[in-house]
């Protein structure tokens, strides 16, 4: 059964994932990345434009579909080696969240 996930990541991190064809979340924790299955969908929300000292952004910034069976370690860094999933990027249309807040069920505090 196809599942749908949301990942919160700054716009610059989403752009980096686009370039690499990968998604990671929760600092690349294996337990989170293992919840995703091939064919599942991810919607990225970016509350800010940059990870460090970013400005308020508040947009959905990407829609991805998982294309591999299991999370993997890229083995490219010594200190930080996050688990990742391969993805196919489905849309480049960014959407402001503000006009949608009242319609989105998972947002508990609409203010």
PDB file of N, CA and C in Angstrom:
ATOM      1  N   UNK A   1       0.839  -1.175   0.000  1.00  0.00           N
ATOM      2  CA  UNK A   1       0.000   0.000   0.000  1.00  0.00           C
ATOM      3  C   UNK A   1       0.892   1.250   0.000  1.00  0.00           C
ATOM      4  N   UNK A   2       0.635   2.148  -0.891  1.00  0.00           N
ATOM      5  CA  UNK A   2       1.382   3.396  -0.989  1.00  0.00           C
ATOM      6  C   UNK A   2       1.094   4.279   0.216  1.00  0.00           C
ATOM      7  N   UNK A   3       2.169   4.859   0.784  1.00  0.00           N
ATOM      8  CA  UNK A   3       2.025   5.771   1.916  1.00  0.00           C
ATOM      9  C   UNK A   3       2.554   7.143   1.504  1.00  0.00           C
ATOM     10  N   UNK A   4       2.162   8.136   2.295  1.00  0.00           N
ATOM     11  CA  UNK A   4       2.535   9.516   2.023  1.00  0.00           C
ATOM     12  C   UNK A   4       3.180  10.102   3.273  1.00  0.00           C
ATOM     13  N   UNK A   5       4.302  10.792   3.093  1.00  0.00           N
ATOM     14  CA  UNK A   5       5.061  11.371   4.195  1.00  0.00           C
ATOM     15  C   UNK A   5       5.333  12.838   3.925  1.00  0.00           C
ATOM     16  N   UNK A   6       5.549  13.592   4.987  1.00  0.00           N
ATOM     17  CA  UNK A   6       6.020  14.966   4.827  1.00  0.00           C
ATOM     18  C   UNK A   6       7.364  15.057   5.527  1.00  0.00           C
ATOM     19  N   UNK A   7       8.249  15.773   4.898  1.00  0.00           N
ATOM     20  CA  UNK A   7       9.576  16.018   5.453  1.00  0.00           C
ATOM     21  C   UNK A   7       9.773  17.524   5.499  1.00  0.00           C
ATOM     22  N   UNK A   8      10.175  18.003   6.645  1.00  0.00           N
ATOM     23  CA  UNK A   8      10.500  19.421   6.797  1.00  0.00           C
ATOM     24  C   UNK A   8      11.992  19.591   6.595  1.00  0.00           C
ATOM     25  N   UNK A   9      12.342  20.411   5.642  1.00  0.00           N
ATOM     26  CA  UNK A   9      13.749  20.687   5.347  1.00  0.00           C
ATOM     27  C   UNK A   9      13.850  22.062   4.706  1.00  0.00           C
ATOM     28  N   UNK A  10      14.906  22.763   5.005  1.00  0.00           N
ATOM     29  CA  UNK A  10      15.101  24.089   4.415  1.00  0.00           C
ATOM     30  C   UNK A  10      15.184  23.969   2.892  1.00  0.00           C
ATOM     31  N   UNK A  11      14.846  25.059   2.215  1.00  0.00           N
ATOM     32  CA  UNK A  11      14.848  25.062   0.753  1.00  0.00           C
ATOM     33  C   UNK A  11      16.217  24.695   0.183  1.00  0.00           C
ATOM     34  N   UNK A  12      17.299  25.162   0.813  1.00  0.00           N
ATOM     35  CA  UNK A  12      18.627  24.827   0.295  1.00  0.00           C
ATOM     36  C   UNK A  12      18.932  23.335   0.428  1.00  0.00           C
ATOM     37  N   UNK A  13      18.427  22.684   1.481  1.00  0.00           N
ATOM     38  CA  UNK A  13      18.624  21.242   1.617  1.00  0.00           C
ATOM     39  C   UNK A  13      17.777  20.480   0.602  1.00  0.00           C
ATOM     40  N   UNK A  14      16.587  20.971   0.319  1.00  0.00           N
ATOM     41  CA  UNK A  14      15.757  20.353  -0.708  1.00  0.00           C
ATOM     42  C   UNK A  14      16.447  20.458  -2.070  1.00  0.00           C
ATOM     43  N   UNK A  15      17.012  21.628  -2.361  1.00  0.00           N
ATOM     44  CA  UNK A  15      17.727  21.825  -3.640  1.00  0.00           C
ATOM     45  C   UNK A  15      18.907  20.867  -3.760  1.00  0.00           C
ATOM     46  N   UNK A  16      19.623  20.650  -2.662  1.00  0.00           N
ATOM     47  CA  UNK A  16      20.741  19.712  -2.665  1.00  0.00           C
ATOM     48  C   UNK A  16      20.255  18.296  -2.955  1.00  0.00           C
ATOM     49  N   UNK A  17      19.130  17.918  -2.354  1.00  0.00           N
ATOM     50  CA  UNK A  17      18.551  16.609  -2.624  1.00  0.00           C
ATOM     51  C   UNK A  17      18.138  16.445  -4.075  1.00  0.00           C
ATOM     52  N   UNK A  18      17.597  17.525  -4.653  1.00  0.00           N
ATOM     53  CA  UNK A  18      17.221  17.503  -6.072  1.00  0.00           C
ATOM     54  C   UNK A  18      18.424  17.200  -6.955  1.00  0.00           C
ATOM     55  N   UNK A  19      19.519  17.890  -6.667  1.00  0.00           N
ATOM     56  CA  UNK A  19      20.735  17.703  -7.469  1.00  0.00           C
ATOM     57  C   UNK A  19      21.249  16.265  -7.386  1.00  0.00           C
ATOM     58  N   UNK A  20      21.096  15.649  -6.217  1.00  0.00           N
ATOM     59  CA  UNK A  20      21.639  14.304  -5.987  1.00  0.00           C
ATOM     60  C   UNK A  20      20.631  13.184  -6.240  1.00  0.00           C
ATOM     61  N   UNK A  21      19.345  13.546  -6.373  1.00  0.00           N
ATOM     62  CA  UNK A  21      18.316  12.531  -6.551  1.00  0.00           C
ATOM     63  C   UNK A  21      18.073  11.710  -5.298  1.00  0.00           C
ATOM     64  N   UNK A  22      18.231  12.366  -4.125  1.00  0.00           N
ATOM     65  CA  UNK A  22      18.082  11.658  -2.856  1.00  0.00           C
ATOM     66  C   UNK A  22      17.191  12.434  -1.888  1.00  0.00           C
ATOM     67  N   UNK A  23      16.672  11.714  -0.905  1.00  0.00           N
ATOM     68  CA  UNK A  23      15.969  12.327   0.214  1.00  0.00           C
ATOM     69  C   UNK A  23      16.579  11.782   1.491  1.00  0.00           C
ATOM     70  N   UNK A  24      16.663  12.639   2.489  1.00  0.00           N
ATOM     71  CA  UNK A  24      17.046  12.202   3.823  1.00  0.00           C
ATOM     72  C   UNK A  24      16.305  13.085   4.805  1.00  0.00           C
ATOM     73  N   UNK A  25      16.116  12.585   6.013  1.00  0.00           N
ATOM     74  CA  UNK A  25      15.360  13.335   7.015  1.00  0.00           C
ATOM     75  C   UNK A  25      15.764  12.866   8.395  1.00  0.00           C
ATOM     76  N   UNK A  26      15.420  13.663   9.400  1.00  0.00           N
ATOM     77  CA  UNK A  26      15.735  13.280  10.770  1.00  0.00           C
ATOM     78  C   UNK A  26      17.216  13.044  10.960  1.00  0.00           C
ATOM     79  N   UNK A  27      18.021  13.894  10.336  1.00  0.00           N
ATOM     80  CA  UNK A  27      19.483  13.744  10.357  1.00  0.00           C
ATOM     81  C   UNK A  27      19.920  12.398   9.786  1.00  0.00           C
ATOM     82  N   UNK A  28      19.107  11.865   8.872  1.00  0.00           N
ATOM     83  CA  UNK A  28      19.464  10.622   8.194  1.00  0.00           C
ATOM     84  C   UNK A  28      19.337   9.388   9.070  1.00  0.00           C
ATOM     85  N   UNK A  29      18.439   9.462  10.067  1.00  0.00           N
ATOM     86  CA  UNK A  29      18.259   8.307  10.955  1.00  0.00           C
ATOM     87  C   UNK A  29      17.707   7.112  10.174  1.00  0.00           C
ATOM     88  N   UNK A  30      18.308   5.967  10.395  1.00  0.00           N
ATOM     89  CA  UNK A  30      17.895   4.759   9.677  1.00  0.00           C
ATOM     90  C   UNK A  30      16.449   4.380  10.003  1.00  0.00           C
ATOM     91  N   UNK A  31      16.032   4.541  11.276  1.00  0.00           N
ATOM     92  CA  UNK A  31      14.672   4.142  11.637  1.00  0.00           C
ATOM     93  C   UNK A  31      13.624   4.938  10.858  1.00  0.00           C
ATOM     94  N   UNK A  32      13.864   6.227  10.645  1.00  0.00           N
ATOM     95  CA  UNK A  32      12.902   7.011   9.870  1.00  0.00           C
ATOM     96  C   UNK A  32      12.955   6.638   8.393  1.00  0.00           C
ATOM     97  N   UNK A  33      14.147   6.567   7.840  1.00  0.00           N
ATOM     98  CA  UNK A  33      14.263   6.286   6.410  1.00  0.00           C
ATOM     99  C   UNK A  33      13.788   4.873   6.064  1.00  0.00           C
ATOM    100  N   UNK A  34      13.763   3.970   7.055  1.00  0.00           N
ATOM    101  CA  UNK A  34      13.272   2.605   6.835  1.00  0.00           C
ATOM    102  C   UNK A  34      11.751   2.534   6.781  1.00  0.00           C
ATOM    103  N   UNK A  35      11.052   3.557   7.263  1.00  0.00           N
ATOM    104  CA  UNK A  35       9.586   3.579   7.203  1.00  0.00           C
ATOM    105  C   UNK A  35       9.088   3.753   5.772  1.00  0.00           C
ATOM    106  N   UNK A  36       9.925   4.310   4.924  1.00  0.00           N
ATOM    107  CA  UNK A  36       9.563   4.562   3.530  1.00  0.00           C
ATOM    108  C   UNK A  36       9.769   3.304   2.697  1.00  0.00           C
ATOM    109  N   UNK A  37       8.873   3.074   1.767  1.00  0.00           N
ATOM    110  CA  UNK A  37       8.982   1.934   0.854  1.00  0.00           C
ATOM    111  C   UNK A  37       9.014   2.430  -0.587  1.00  0.00           C
ATOM    112  N   UNK A  38       9.542   1.598  -1.456  1.00  0.00           N
ATOM    113  CA  UNK A  38       9.553   1.939  -2.878  1.00  0.00           C
ATOM    114  C   UNK A  38       8.130   2.258  -3.315  1.00  0.00           C
ATOM    115  N   UNK A  39       7.954   3.393  -4.013  1.00  0.00           N
ATOM    116  CA  UNK A  39       6.648   3.826  -4.491  1.00  0.00           C
ATOM    117  C   UNK A  39       5.947   4.808  -3.570  1.00  0.00           C
ATOM    118  N   UNK A  40       6.415   4.928  -2.315  1.00  0.00           N
ATOM    119  CA  UNK A  40       5.832   5.911  -1.398  1.00  0.00           C
ATOM    120  C   UNK A  40       6.160   7.323  -1.866  1.00  0.00           C
ATOM    121  N   UNK A  41       5.367   8.275  -1.370  1.00  0.00           N
ATOM    122  CA  UNK A  41       5.504   9.675  -1.761  1.00  0.00           C
ATOM    123  C   UNK A  41       5.948  10.535  -0.584  1.00  0.00           C
ATOM    124  N   UNK A  42       6.734  11.561  -0.886  1.00  0.00           N
ATOM    125  CA  UNK A  42       7.189  12.541   0.106  1.00  0.00           C
ATOM    126  C   UNK A  42       6.818  13.924  -0.403  1.00  0.00           C
ATOM    127  N   UNK A  43       6.263  14.741   0.492  1.00  0.00           N
ATOM    128  CA  UNK A  43       6.064  16.162   0.215  1.00  0.00           C
ATOM    129  C   UNK A  43       7.003  16.911   1.145  1.00  0.00           C
ATOM    130  N   UNK A  44       7.846  17.752   0.581  1.00  0.00           N
ATOM    131  CA  UNK A  44       8.765  18.560   1.392  1.00  0.00           C
ATOM    132  C   UNK A  44       8.146  19.897   1.729  1.00  0.00           C
ATOM    133  N   UNK A  45       8.269  20.279   2.992  1.00  0.00           N
ATOM    134  CA  UNK A  45       7.865  21.602   3.455  1.00  0.00           C
ATOM    135  C   UNK A  45       9.110  22.326   3.935  1.00  0.00           C
ATOM    136  N   UNK A  46       9.301  23.547   3.457  1.00  0.00           N
ATOM    137  CA  UNK A  46      10.458  24.358   3.861  1.00  0.00           C
ATOM    138  C   UNK A  46       9.967  25.572   4.632  1.00  0.00           C
ATOM    139  N   UNK A  47      10.226  25.573   5.928  1.00  0.00           N
ATOM    140  CA  UNK A  47       9.818  26.715   6.751  1.00  0.00           C
ATOM    141  C   UNK A  47      10.761  27.897   6.558  1.00  0.00           C
ATOM    142  N   UNK A  48      11.997  27.600   6.135  1.00  0.00           N
ATOM    143  CA  UNK A  48      12.953  28.680   5.875  1.00  0.00           C
ATOM    144  C   UNK A  48      13.755  28.379   4.617  1.00  0.00           C
ATOM    145  N   UNK A  49      14.400  29.412   4.083  1.00  0.00           N
ATOM    146  CA  UNK A  49      15.114  29.248   2.817  1.00  0.00           C
ATOM    147  C   UNK A  49      16.483  28.597   2.966  1.00  0.00           C
ATOM    148  N   UNK A  50      17.139  28.796   4.107  1.00  0.00           N
ATOM    149  CA  UNK A  50      18.465  28.221   4.336  1.00  0.00           C
ATOM    150  C   UNK A  50      18.500  27.557   5.697  1.00  0.00           C
ATOM    151  N   UNK A  51      19.293  26.493   5.792  1.00  0.00           N
ATOM    152  CA  UNK A  51      19.389  25.748   7.044  1.00  0.00           C
ATOM    153  C   UNK A  51      19.926  26.624   8.171  1.00  0.00           C
ATOM    154  N   UNK A  52      21.001  27.324   7.911  1.00  0.00           N
ATOM    155  CA  UNK A  52      21.588  28.203   8.928  1.00  0.00           C
ATOM    156  C   UNK A  52      21.234  29.651   8.630  1.00  0.00           C
ATOM    157  N   UNK A  53      20.684  30.334   9.624  1.00  0.00           N
ATOM    158  CA  UNK A  53      20.323  31.751   9.508  1.00  0.00           C
ATOM    159  C   UNK A  53      19.365  32.023   8.352  1.00  0.00           C
ATOM    160  N   UNK A  54      18.479  31.098   8.105  1.00  0.00           N
ATOM    161  CA  UNK A  54      17.540  31.247   6.997  1.00  0.00           C
ATOM    162  C   UNK A  54      16.411  32.206   7.291  1.00  0.00           C
ATOM    163  N   UNK A  55      15.855  32.725   6.217  1.00  0.00           N
ATOM    164  CA  UNK A  55      14.689  33.605   6.310  1.00  0.00           C
ATOM    165  C   UNK A  55      13.424  32.761   6.181  1.00  0.00           C
ATOM    166  N   UNK A  56      12.339  33.264   6.766  1.00  0.00           N
ATOM    167  CA  UNK A  56      11.051  32.591   6.708  1.00  0.00           C
ATOM    168  C   UNK A  56      10.683  32.309   5.249  1.00  0.00           C
ATOM    169  N   UNK A  57      10.285  31.085   4.939  1.00  0.00           N
ATOM    170  CA  UNK A  57       9.947  30.705   3.572  1.00  0.00           C
ATOM    171  C   UNK A  57       8.523  30.150   3.479  1.00  0.00           C
ATOM    172  N   UNK A  58       8.177  29.192   4.303  1.00  0.00           N
ATOM    173  CA  UNK A  58       6.834  28.640   4.462  1.00  0.00           C
ATOM    174  C   UNK A  58       6.160  28.193   3.166  1.00  0.00           C
ATOM    175  N   UNK A  59       6.837  27.290   2.460  1.00  0.00           N
ATOM    176  CA  UNK A  59       6.280  26.750   1.215  1.00  0.00           C
ATOM    177  C   UNK A  59       6.508  25.247   1.141  1.00  0.00           C
ATOM    178  N   UNK A  60       5.581  24.566   0.461  1.00  0.00           N
ATOM    179  CA  UNK A  60       5.850  23.201   0.043  1.00  0.00           C
ATOM    180  C   UNK A  60       6.797  23.335  -1.145  1.00  0.00           C
ATOM    181  N   UNK A  61       7.922  22.633  -1.106  1.00  0.00           N
ATOM    182  CA  UNK A  61       8.972  22.882  -2.095  1.00  0.00           C
ATOM    183  C   UNK A  61       9.278  21.711  -3.024  1.00  0.00           C
ATOM    184  N   UNK A  62       8.788  20.527  -2.717  1.00  0.00           N
ATOM    185  CA  UNK A  62       9.088  19.399  -3.601  1.00  0.00           C
ATOM    186  C   UNK A  62       8.123  18.252  -3.349  1.00  0.00           C
ATOM    187  N   UNK A  63       7.910  17.466  -4.381  1.00  0.00           N
ATOM    188  CA  UNK A  63       7.176  16.210  -4.279  1.00  0.00           C
ATOM    189  C   UNK A  63       8.073  15.147  -4.903  1.00  0.00           C
ATOM    190  N   UNK A  64       8.309  14.079  -4.152  1.00  0.00           N
ATOM    191  CA  UNK A  64       9.227  13.018  -4.570  1.00  0.00           C
ATOM    192  C   UNK A  64       8.538  11.661  -4.468  1.00  0.00           C
ATOM    193  N   UNK A  65       9.061  10.698  -5.216  1.00  0.00           N
ATOM    194  CA  UNK A  65       8.622   9.322  -5.054  1.00  0.00           C
ATOM    195  C   UNK A  65       9.852   8.450  -4.817  1.00  0.00           C
ATOM    196  N   UNK A  66       9.771   7.570  -3.829  1.00  0.00           N
ATOM    197  CA  UNK A  66      10.879   6.677  -3.485  1.00  0.00           C
ATOM    198  C   UNK A  66      11.063   5.665  -4.609  1.00  0.00           C
ATOM    199  N   UNK A  67      12.330   5.476  -5.041  1.00  0.00           N
ATOM    200  CA  UNK A  67      12.597   4.574  -6.166  1.00  0.00           C
ATOM    201  C   UNK A  67      13.456   3.359  -5.799  1.00  0.00           C
ATOM    202  N   UNK A  68      13.967   3.306  -4.555  1.00  0.00           N
ATOM    203  CA  UNK A  68      14.775   2.140  -4.199  1.00  0.00           C
ATOM    204  C   UNK A  68      14.121   1.371  -3.050  1.00  0.00           C
ATOM    205  N   UNK A  69      14.621   0.149  -2.816  1.00  0.00           N
ATOM    206  CA  UNK A  69      13.999  -0.759  -1.847  1.00  0.00           C
ATOM    207  C   UNK A  69      14.372  -0.481  -0.399  1.00  0.00           C
ATOM    208  N   UNK A  70      15.595  -0.042  -0.128  1.00  0.00           N
ATOM    209  CA  UNK A  70      16.092   0.102   1.247  1.00  0.00           C
ATOM    210  C   UNK A  70      16.911   1.376   1.401  1.00  0.00           C
ATOM    211  N   UNK A  71      16.967   1.929   2.622  1.00  0.00           N
ATOM    212  CA  UNK A  71      17.864   3.063   2.863  1.00  0.00           C
ATOM    213  C   UNK A  71      19.319   2.597   2.778  1.00  0.00           C
ATOM    214  N   UNK A  72      20.196   3.519   2.460  1.00  0.00           N
ATOM    215  CA  UNK A  72      21.617   3.175   2.343  1.00  0.00           C
ATOM    216  C   UNK A  72      22.468   4.303   2.898  1.00  0.00           C
ATOM    217  N   UNK A  73      23.708   3.967   3.218  1.00  0.00           N
ATOM    218  CA  UNK A  73      24.699   4.947   3.651  1.00  0.00           C
ATOM    219  C   UNK A  73      25.574   5.296   2.458  1.00  0.00           C
ATOM    220  N   UNK A  74      25.721   6.586   2.151  1.00  0.00           N
ATOM    221  CA  UNK A  74      26.537   6.956   0.996  1.00  0.00           C
ATOM    222  C   UNK A  74      28.025   6.736   1.224  1.00  0.00           C
ATOM    223  N   UNK A  75      28.463   6.746   2.478  1.00  0.00           N
ATOM    224  CA  UNK A  75      29.872   6.508   2.783  1.00  0.00           C
ATOM    225  C   UNK A  75      30.801   7.595   2.295  1.00  0.00           C
ATOM    226  N   UNK A  76      30.298   8.819   2.167  1.00  0.00           N
ATOM    227  CA  UNK A  76      31.114   9.896   1.618  1.00  0.00           C
ATOM    228  C   UNK A  76      31.717  10.807   2.683  1.00  0.00           C
ATOM    229  N   UNK A  77      31.202  10.740   3.903  1.00  0.00           N
ATOM    230  CA  UNK A  77      31.691  11.616   4.961  1.00  0.00           C
ATOM    231  C   UNK A  77      32.132  10.793   6.162  1.00  0.00           C
ATOM    232  N   UNK A  78      33.105  11.313   6.894  1.00  0.00           N
ATOM    233  CA  UNK A  78      33.611  10.574   8.043  1.00  0.00           C
ATOM    234  C   UNK A  78      32.788  10.813   9.302  1.00  0.00           C
ATOM    235  N   UNK A  79      32.414  12.055   9.583  1.00  0.00           N
ATOM    236  CA  UNK A  79      31.710  12.365  10.825  1.00  0.00           C
ATOM    237  C   UNK A  79      30.196  12.258  10.695  1.00  0.00           C
ATOM    238  N   UNK A  80      29.646  12.620   9.567  1.00  0.00           N
ATOM    239  CA  UNK A  80      28.202  12.609   9.368  1.00  0.00           C
ATOM    240  C   UNK A  80      27.889  11.746   8.172  1.00  0.00           C
ATOM    241  N   UNK A  81      27.241  10.627   8.401  1.00  0.00           N
ATOM    242  CA  UNK A  81      26.961   9.672   7.332  1.00  0.00           C
ATOM    243  C   UNK A  81      25.485   9.265   7.403  1.00  0.00           C
ATOM    244  N   UNK A  82      24.583  10.088   6.854  1.00  0.00           N
ATOM    245  CA  UNK A  82      23.149   9.846   6.985  1.00  0.00           C
ATOM    246  C   UNK A  82      22.620   8.769   6.037  1.00  0.00           C
ATOM    247  N   UNK A  83      21.601   8.067   6.492  1.00  0.00           N
ATOM    248  CA  UNK A  83      20.897   7.142   5.607  1.00  0.00           C
ATOM    249  C   UNK A  83      20.068   7.948   4.625  1.00  0.00           C
ATOM    250  N   UNK A  84      19.985   7.436   3.405  1.00  0.00           N
ATOM    251  CA  UNK A  84      19.285   8.137   2.334  1.00  0.00           C
ATOM    252  C   UNK A  84      18.391   7.186   1.579  1.00  0.00           C
ATOM    253  N   UNK A  85      17.503   7.787   0.785  1.00  0.00           N
ATOM    254  CA  UNK A  85      16.680   7.034  -0.150  1.00  0.00           C
ATOM    255  C   UNK A  85      16.787   7.711  -1.511  1.00  0.00           C
ATOM    256  N   UNK A  86      16.787   6.913  -2.555  1.00  0.00           N
ATOM    257  CA  UNK A  86      16.765   7.461  -3.907  1.00  0.00           C
ATOM    258  C   UNK A  86      15.335   7.871  -4.241  1.00  0.00           C
ATOM    259  N   UNK A  87      15.210   8.986  -4.948  1.00  0.00           N
ATOM    260  CA  UNK A  87      13.897   9.516  -5.269  1.00  0.00           C
ATOM    261  C   UNK A  87      13.835  10.009  -6.703  1.00  0.00           C
ATOM    262  N   UNK A  88      12.622  10.045  -7.204  1.00  0.00           N
ATOM    263  CA  UNK A  88      12.335  10.658  -8.494  1.00  0.00           C
ATOM    264  C   UNK A  88      11.545  11.923  -8.180  1.00  0.00           C
ATOM    265  N   UNK A  89      12.060  13.042  -8.613  1.00  0.00           N
ATOM    266  CA  UNK A  89      11.454  14.343  -8.351  1.00  0.00           C
ATOM    267  C   UNK A  89      10.271  14.527  -9.278  1.00  0.00           C
ATOM    268  N   UNK A  90       9.105  14.847  -8.715  1.00  0.00           N
ATOM    269  CA  UNK A  90       7.888  14.910  -9.520  1.00  0.00           C
ATOM    270  C   UNK A  90       7.402  16.307  -9.879  1.00  0.00           C
ATOM    271  N   UNK A  91       7.742  17.329  -9.079  1.00  0.00           N
ATOM    272  CA  UNK A  91       7.245  18.662  -9.413  1.00  0.00           C
ATOM    273  C   UNK A  91       8.177  19.740  -8.903  1.00  0.00           C
ATOM    274  N   UNK A  92       8.204  20.847  -9.639  1.00  0.00           N
ATOM    275  CA  UNK A  92       8.998  22.002  -9.220  1.00  0.00           C
ATOM    276  C   UNK A  92       8.098  23.164  -8.827  1.00  0.00           C
ATOM    277  N   UNK A  93       6.814  22.919  -8.772  1.00  0.00           N
ATOM    278  CA  UNK A  93       5.862  23.969  -8.427  1.00  0.00           C
ATOM    279  C   UNK A  93       5.825  24.149  -6.913  1.00  0.00           C
ATOM    280  N   UNK A  94       6.283  25.309  -6.432  1.00  0.00           N
ATOM    281  CA  UNK A  94       6.251  25.595  -5.003  1.00  0.00           C
ATOM    282  C   UNK A  94       4.909  26.218  -4.639  1.00  0.00           C
ATOM    283  N   UNK A  95       4.435  25.892  -3.438  1.00  0.00           N
ATOM    284  CA  UNK A  95       3.127  26.364  -2.992  1.00  0.00           C
ATOM    285  C   UNK A  95       3.226  26.943  -1.596  1.00  0.00           C
ATOM    286  N   UNK A  96       2.759  28.182  -1.432  1.00  0.00           N
ATOM    287  CA  UNK A  96       2.716  28.794  -0.106  1.00  0.00           C
ATOM    288  C   UNK A  96       1.748  28.017   0.774  1.00  0.00           C
ATOM    289  N   UNK A  97       2.135  27.838   2.028  1.00  0.00           N
ATOM    290  CA  UNK A  97       1.270  27.097   2.946  1.00  0.00           C
ATOM    291  C   UNK A  97       0.154  27.965   3.520  1.00  0.00           C
ATOM    292  N   UNK A  98       0.370  29.278   3.625  1.00  0.00           N
ATOM    293  CA  UNK A  98      -0.586  30.144   4.327  1.00  0.00           C
ATOM    294  C   UNK A  98      -2.034  30.021   3.835  1.00  0.00           C
ATOM    295  N   UNK A  99      -2.314  29.992   2.531  1.00  0.00           N
ATOM    296  CA  UNK A  99      -3.721  29.879   2.138  1.00  0.00           C
ATOM    297  C   UNK A  99      -4.312  28.474   2.342  1.00  0.00           C
ATOM    298  N   UNK A 100      -3.467  27.505   2.672  1.00  0.00           N
ATOM    299  CA  UNK A 100      -3.918  26.120   2.814  1.00  0.00           C
ATOM    300  C   UNK A 100      -4.087  25.680   4.266  1.00  0.00           C
ATOM    301  N   UNK A 101      -3.609  26.478   5.202  1.00  0.00           N
ATOM    302  CA  UNK A 101      -3.548  26.059   6.605  1.00  0.00           C
ATOM    303  C   UNK A 101      -4.883  25.553   7.133  1.00  0.00           C
ATOM    304  N   UNK A 102      -5.961  26.247   6.861  1.00  0.00           N
ATOM    305  CA  UNK A 102      -7.274  25.835   7.371  1.00  0.00           C
ATOM    306  C   UNK A 102      -7.735  24.498   6.791  1.00  0.00           C
ATOM    307  N   UNK A 103      -7.216  24.140   5.627  1.00  0.00           N
ATOM    308  CA  UNK A 103      -7.652  22.909   4.956  1.00  0.00           C
ATOM    309  C   UNK A 103      -6.785  21.699   5.288  1.00  0.00           C
ATOM    310  N   UNK A 104      -5.629  21.911   5.903  1.00  0.00           N
ATOM    311  CA  UNK A 104      -4.689  20.830   6.164  1.00  0.00           C
ATOM    312  C   UNK A 104      -4.957  20.236   7.549  1.00  0.00           C
ATOM    313  N   UNK A 105      -5.313  18.977   7.587  1.00  0.00           N
ATOM    314  CA  UNK A 105      -5.704  18.316   8.817  1.00  0.00           C
ATOM    315  C   UNK A 105      -4.586  18.062   9.813  1.00  0.00           C
ATOM    316  N   UNK A 106      -3.346  17.860   9.348  1.00  0.00           N
ATOM    317  CA  UNK A 106      -2.274  17.508  10.281  1.00  0.00           C
ATOM    318  C   UNK A 106      -1.714  18.706  11.033  1.00  0.00           C
ATOM    319  N   UNK A 107      -2.129  19.918  10.711  1.00  0.00           N
ATOM    320  CA  UNK A 107      -1.662  21.091  11.437  1.00  0.00           C
ATOM    321  C   UNK A 107      -2.588  21.301  12.645  1.00  0.00           C
ATOM    322  N   UNK A 108      -2.037  21.105  13.836  1.00  0.00           N
ATOM    323  CA  UNK A 108      -2.864  21.192  15.048  1.00  0.00           C
ATOM    324  C   UNK A 108      -3.115  22.642  15.462  1.00  0.00           C
ATOM    325  N   UNK A 109      -2.085  23.462  15.430  1.00  0.00           N
ATOM    326  CA  UNK A 109      -2.234  24.869  15.797  1.00  0.00           C
ATOM    327  C   UNK A 109      -2.270  25.699  14.529  1.00  0.00           C
ATOM    328  N   UNK A 110      -3.419  26.091  14.094  1.00  0.00           N
ATOM    329  CA  UNK A 110      -3.603  26.801  12.827  1.00  0.00           C
ATOM    330  C   UNK A 110      -3.132  28.248  12.882  1.00  0.00           C
ATOM    331  N   UNK A 111      -2.760  28.744  14.079  1.00  0.00           N
ATOM    332  CA  UNK A 111      -2.278  30.118  14.194  1.00  0.00           C
ATOM    333  C   UNK A 111      -0.809  30.184  13.943  1.00  0.00           C
TER     334      UNK A 111
END
